[in-house]
N, C-alpha and C. Protein backbone atom coordinates (compact mmCIF):
# COMPACT_ATOMS: atom_id res chain seq x y z
N MET A 1 -11.33 -7.35 30.33
CA MET A 1 -11.94 -8.64 30.34
C MET A 1 -10.66 -9.64 30.55
N THR A 2 -11.13 -10.69 31.36
CA THR A 2 -9.99 -11.80 31.67
C THR A 2 -10.81 -12.93 31.68
N ILE A 3 -10.07 -13.90 30.74
CA ILE A 3 -10.75 -15.38 30.92
C ILE A 3 -9.66 -16.14 31.03
N THR A 4 -9.92 -17.04 31.90
CA THR A 4 -8.84 -18.24 32.35
C THR A 4 -9.27 -19.53 31.74
N LEU A 5 -8.60 -19.86 30.93
CA LEU A 5 -8.76 -21.23 30.04
C LEU A 5 -8.18 -22.33 30.92
N PRO A 6 -8.82 -23.66 31.03
CA PRO A 6 -8.30 -24.76 31.82
C PRO A 6 -6.83 -25.14 31.11
N GLU A 7 -5.95 -25.48 31.88
CA GLU A 7 -4.55 -25.94 31.39
C GLU A 7 -4.70 -27.29 30.29
N SER A 8 -5.78 -27.82 30.41
CA SER A 8 -5.91 -29.01 29.62
C SER A 8 -6.08 -28.49 28.04
N LEU A 9 -6.77 -27.32 28.01
CA LEU A 9 -6.98 -26.81 26.67
C LEU A 9 -5.55 -26.02 25.99
N LEU A 10 -4.66 -25.74 26.84
CA LEU A 10 -3.59 -25.16 26.65
C LEU A 10 -2.32 -26.12 25.86
N PRO A 11 -1.58 -25.57 24.78
CA PRO A 11 -0.36 -26.59 24.66
C PRO A 11 0.32 -27.13 25.73
N THR A 12 0.82 -28.36 25.42
CA THR A 12 1.78 -28.57 26.79
C THR A 12 3.00 -27.99 26.88
N ASP A 13 3.70 -27.32 25.83
CA ASP A 13 4.95 -26.60 26.12
C ASP A 13 4.46 -25.20 26.43
N GLU A 14 5.27 -24.29 26.98
CA GLU A 14 5.13 -22.99 26.99
C GLU A 14 4.70 -22.12 25.91
N LEU A 15 3.91 -21.40 26.25
CA LEU A 15 3.43 -20.51 25.14
C LEU A 15 4.33 -19.33 24.94
N ASP A 16 4.81 -19.02 23.67
CA ASP A 16 5.76 -17.91 23.49
C ASP A 16 4.81 -16.81 23.55
N ALA A 17 5.45 -15.41 23.29
CA ALA A 17 4.74 -14.32 23.25
C ALA A 17 3.85 -14.14 22.06
N ALA A 18 4.06 -14.52 20.90
CA ALA A 18 3.49 -14.66 19.84
C ALA A 18 2.21 -15.41 20.05
N SER A 19 2.54 -16.79 20.40
CA SER A 19 1.23 -17.58 20.63
C SER A 19 0.45 -17.27 21.51
N ARG A 20 0.83 -16.57 22.83
CA ARG A 20 -0.14 -16.10 23.68
C ARG A 20 -0.83 -14.88 23.24
N HIS A 21 -0.27 -14.02 22.35
CA HIS A 21 -0.90 -12.86 21.66
C HIS A 21 -2.14 -13.31 20.72
N ARG A 22 -1.80 -14.18 19.75
CA ARG A 22 -2.79 -15.04 18.92
C ARG A 22 -3.75 -15.71 19.77
N LEU A 23 -3.73 -16.36 20.77
CA LEU A 23 -4.61 -17.09 21.65
C LEU A 23 -5.46 -16.03 22.25
N ASP A 24 -4.98 -15.01 22.63
CA ASP A 24 -5.77 -13.63 23.24
C ASP A 24 -6.62 -13.29 22.10
N ARG A 25 -6.25 -13.22 21.00
CA ARG A 25 -6.95 -12.39 20.07
C ARG A 25 -7.98 -13.34 19.52
N VAL A 26 -7.83 -14.52 19.49
CA VAL A 26 -8.72 -15.60 19.14
C VAL A 26 -10.01 -15.67 20.04
N VAL A 27 -9.58 -15.46 21.28
CA VAL A 27 -10.75 -15.58 22.29
C VAL A 27 -11.68 -14.26 22.37
N ARG A 28 -10.69 -13.25 22.24
CA ARG A 28 -11.40 -11.91 22.30
C ARG A 28 -12.32 -11.63 21.21
N GLU A 29 -11.86 -12.26 20.05
CA GLU A 29 -12.74 -12.00 18.74
C GLU A 29 -14.01 -13.17 18.79
N ALA A 30 -13.94 -14.16 19.51
CA ALA A 30 -15.01 -14.96 19.83
C ALA A 30 -15.87 -14.25 20.53
N ALA A 31 -15.44 -14.01 21.81
CA ALA A 31 -16.32 -13.32 22.40
C ALA A 31 -17.01 -12.07 22.21
N ALA A 32 -16.32 -11.16 21.39
CA ALA A 32 -16.92 -9.93 20.82
C ALA A 32 -18.04 -10.33 19.93
N ILE A 33 -17.71 -11.25 19.00
CA ILE A 33 -18.72 -11.73 17.88
C ILE A 33 -19.76 -12.18 18.32
N GLU A 34 -19.76 -12.96 19.68
CA GLU A 34 -21.03 -13.61 20.37
C GLU A 34 -21.70 -12.55 20.85
N LEU A 35 -21.13 -11.56 21.32
CA LEU A 35 -21.69 -10.32 21.97
C LEU A 35 -22.84 -9.39 20.85
N PHE A 36 -21.88 -9.56 19.68
CA PHE A 36 -22.58 -8.78 18.46
C PHE A 36 -23.60 -9.63 18.17
N ARG A 37 -23.69 -10.77 18.15
CA ARG A 37 -24.78 -11.91 17.63
C ARG A 37 -26.09 -11.73 18.55
N GLN A 38 -25.74 -11.47 19.70
CA GLN A 38 -26.70 -11.30 20.78
C GLN A 38 -27.30 -10.20 20.79
N GLY A 39 -26.75 -8.91 20.08
CA GLY A 39 -27.20 -7.68 20.05
C GLY A 39 -26.76 -6.86 21.29
N ARG A 40 -25.75 -7.42 21.83
CA ARG A 40 -25.21 -6.65 22.84
C ARG A 40 -23.83 -5.51 22.54
N LEU A 41 -23.46 -5.76 21.38
CA LEU A 41 -22.74 -4.87 20.95
C LEU A 41 -22.97 -4.41 19.60
N THR A 42 -22.79 -3.04 19.46
CA THR A 42 -23.19 -2.82 17.90
C THR A 42 -22.02 -2.87 16.94
N HIS A 43 -22.22 -2.59 15.57
CA HIS A 43 -21.09 -2.89 14.78
C HIS A 43 -19.75 -2.22 15.21
N ARG A 44 -20.34 -0.94 15.37
CA ARG A 44 -19.15 0.20 15.89
C ARG A 44 -18.41 -0.17 17.09
N LYS A 45 -19.14 -0.68 18.16
CA LYS A 45 -18.44 -1.02 19.43
C LYS A 45 -17.74 -2.30 18.95
N LEU A 46 -18.31 -3.16 18.49
CA LEU A 46 -17.53 -4.47 18.02
C LEU A 46 -15.88 -3.89 17.34
N GLY A 47 -15.85 -3.15 16.25
CA GLY A 47 -15.00 -2.60 15.79
C GLY A 47 -13.78 -2.09 16.79
N GLU A 48 -14.53 -1.14 17.59
CA GLU A 48 -13.71 -0.51 18.69
C GLU A 48 -12.96 -1.53 19.50
N LEU A 49 -13.67 -2.45 19.80
CA LEU A 49 -13.20 -3.39 20.92
C LEU A 49 -12.07 -4.16 20.33
N LEU A 50 -12.18 -4.43 19.13
CA LEU A 50 -11.08 -5.42 18.44
C LEU A 50 -10.09 -4.64 17.82
N GLY A 51 -10.42 -3.02 17.58
CA GLY A 51 -9.32 -2.16 17.01
C GLY A 51 -9.39 -2.28 15.54
N LEU A 52 -10.58 -2.56 14.84
CA LEU A 52 -10.78 -2.58 13.50
C LEU A 52 -11.55 -1.50 12.93
N ASP A 53 -11.42 -1.04 11.67
CA ASP A 53 -11.97 -0.04 11.18
C ASP A 53 -13.53 -0.73 10.35
N ARG A 54 -14.28 0.04 10.03
CA ARG A 54 -15.67 -0.48 9.55
C ARG A 54 -15.35 -1.73 8.36
N PHE A 55 -14.35 -1.40 7.68
CA PHE A 55 -14.54 -2.35 6.50
C PHE A 55 -13.77 -3.65 7.12
N GLU A 56 -12.92 -3.72 7.79
CA GLU A 56 -12.12 -4.57 8.63
C GLU A 56 -13.24 -5.47 9.42
N THR A 57 -14.13 -4.61 10.07
CA THR A 57 -15.24 -5.28 10.92
C THR A 57 -16.00 -6.08 10.17
N ASP A 58 -16.63 -5.57 8.89
CA ASP A 58 -17.39 -6.16 7.81
C ASP A 58 -16.78 -7.59 7.52
N ALA A 59 -15.46 -7.50 7.04
CA ALA A 59 -14.63 -8.69 6.61
C ALA A 59 -14.68 -9.80 7.83
N LEU A 60 -14.32 -9.16 9.03
CA LEU A 60 -14.36 -10.24 10.15
C LEU A 60 -15.68 -11.11 10.36
N LEU A 61 -16.76 -10.21 10.22
CA LEU A 61 -18.28 -10.73 10.36
C LEU A 61 -18.32 -11.87 9.26
N GLN A 62 -18.12 -11.43 7.93
CA GLN A 62 -18.33 -12.11 6.70
C GLN A 62 -17.55 -13.52 7.18
N GLN A 63 -16.35 -13.50 7.43
CA GLN A 63 -15.42 -14.52 7.66
C GLN A 63 -15.99 -15.59 8.54
N HIS A 64 -16.79 -15.09 9.65
CA HIS A 64 -17.33 -15.91 10.60
C HIS A 64 -18.74 -16.20 10.55
N GLY A 65 -19.22 -15.79 9.19
CA GLY A 65 -20.55 -16.08 8.69
C GLY A 65 -21.75 -15.52 9.56
N VAL A 66 -21.36 -14.25 10.04
CA VAL A 66 -22.39 -13.45 10.72
C VAL A 66 -23.15 -12.59 9.97
N ASP A 67 -24.25 -12.68 10.08
CA ASP A 67 -25.12 -11.78 9.09
C ASP A 67 -25.10 -10.18 9.78
N GLU A 68 -25.01 -9.27 8.97
CA GLU A 68 -25.06 -7.86 9.63
C GLU A 68 -26.48 -7.60 9.96
N GLN A 69 -26.53 -7.01 11.18
CA GLN A 69 -27.72 -6.47 11.68
C GLN A 69 -27.73 -5.15 11.23
N SER A 70 -28.96 -4.55 11.07
CA SER A 70 -29.25 -2.85 10.77
C SER A 70 -28.41 -2.23 11.39
N LEU A 71 -27.68 -1.16 10.74
CA LEU A 71 -26.92 -0.15 11.43
C LEU A 71 -27.92 0.86 12.27
N THR A 72 -27.60 1.38 13.47
CA THR A 72 -28.31 2.28 13.85
C THR A 72 -28.07 3.61 13.39
N ALA A 73 -29.02 4.55 13.56
CA ALA A 73 -28.78 5.92 12.94
C ALA A 73 -27.54 6.56 13.40
N ASP A 74 -27.22 6.53 14.70
CA ASP A 74 -25.90 6.84 15.17
C ASP A 74 -24.68 6.38 14.29
N GLU A 75 -24.84 5.06 13.98
CA GLU A 75 -23.76 4.44 13.10
C GLU A 75 -23.70 4.84 11.66
N VAL A 76 -24.71 5.28 11.09
CA VAL A 76 -24.94 5.94 9.76
C VAL A 76 -24.41 7.16 10.03
N HIS A 77 -24.55 7.94 10.83
CA HIS A 77 -24.03 9.47 10.77
C HIS A 77 -22.69 9.49 11.07
N ALA A 78 -22.12 8.56 11.93
CA ALA A 78 -20.80 8.38 12.28
C ALA A 78 -20.12 7.98 11.01
N ASP A 79 -20.49 7.01 10.26
CA ASP A 79 -19.97 6.30 8.68
C ASP A 79 -19.94 7.80 7.90
N ARG A 80 -21.09 8.35 7.97
CA ARG A 80 -21.06 9.71 6.90
C ARG A 80 -19.85 10.76 7.42
N ALA A 81 -19.86 10.89 8.77
CA ALA A 81 -18.92 11.89 9.01
C ALA A 81 -17.49 11.61 8.67
N THR A 82 -17.26 10.41 8.84
CA THR A 82 -15.91 9.80 8.20
C THR A 82 -15.51 9.85 7.07
N VAL A 83 -16.71 9.57 6.36
CA VAL A 83 -16.67 9.55 4.63
C VAL A 83 -16.24 11.13 4.34
N ASP A 84 -17.00 12.04 4.87
CA ASP A 84 -17.15 13.56 4.61
C ASP A 84 -15.65 14.19 5.18
N ALA A 85 -15.04 13.34 6.03
CA ALA A 85 -13.85 14.11 6.59
C ALA A 85 -12.58 14.24 5.61
């Protein structure tokens, strides 16, 4: 996924690598959370997209005030398999 931001939204000075990475992360999280809100991403896929485990994904959603949707049966089975391992 590539998103091009207008120059007017970027800082006037050059972005260093760390700043560019943070900006990329913020935009990626915002897009992924919105897709989750729309029901287009499952909890599991949201975590995979952002490189988060189940608990980190829960924390991110809580941080952004997003109510959890019901888990699918596949997600429950995958979580159980992870716990049983």
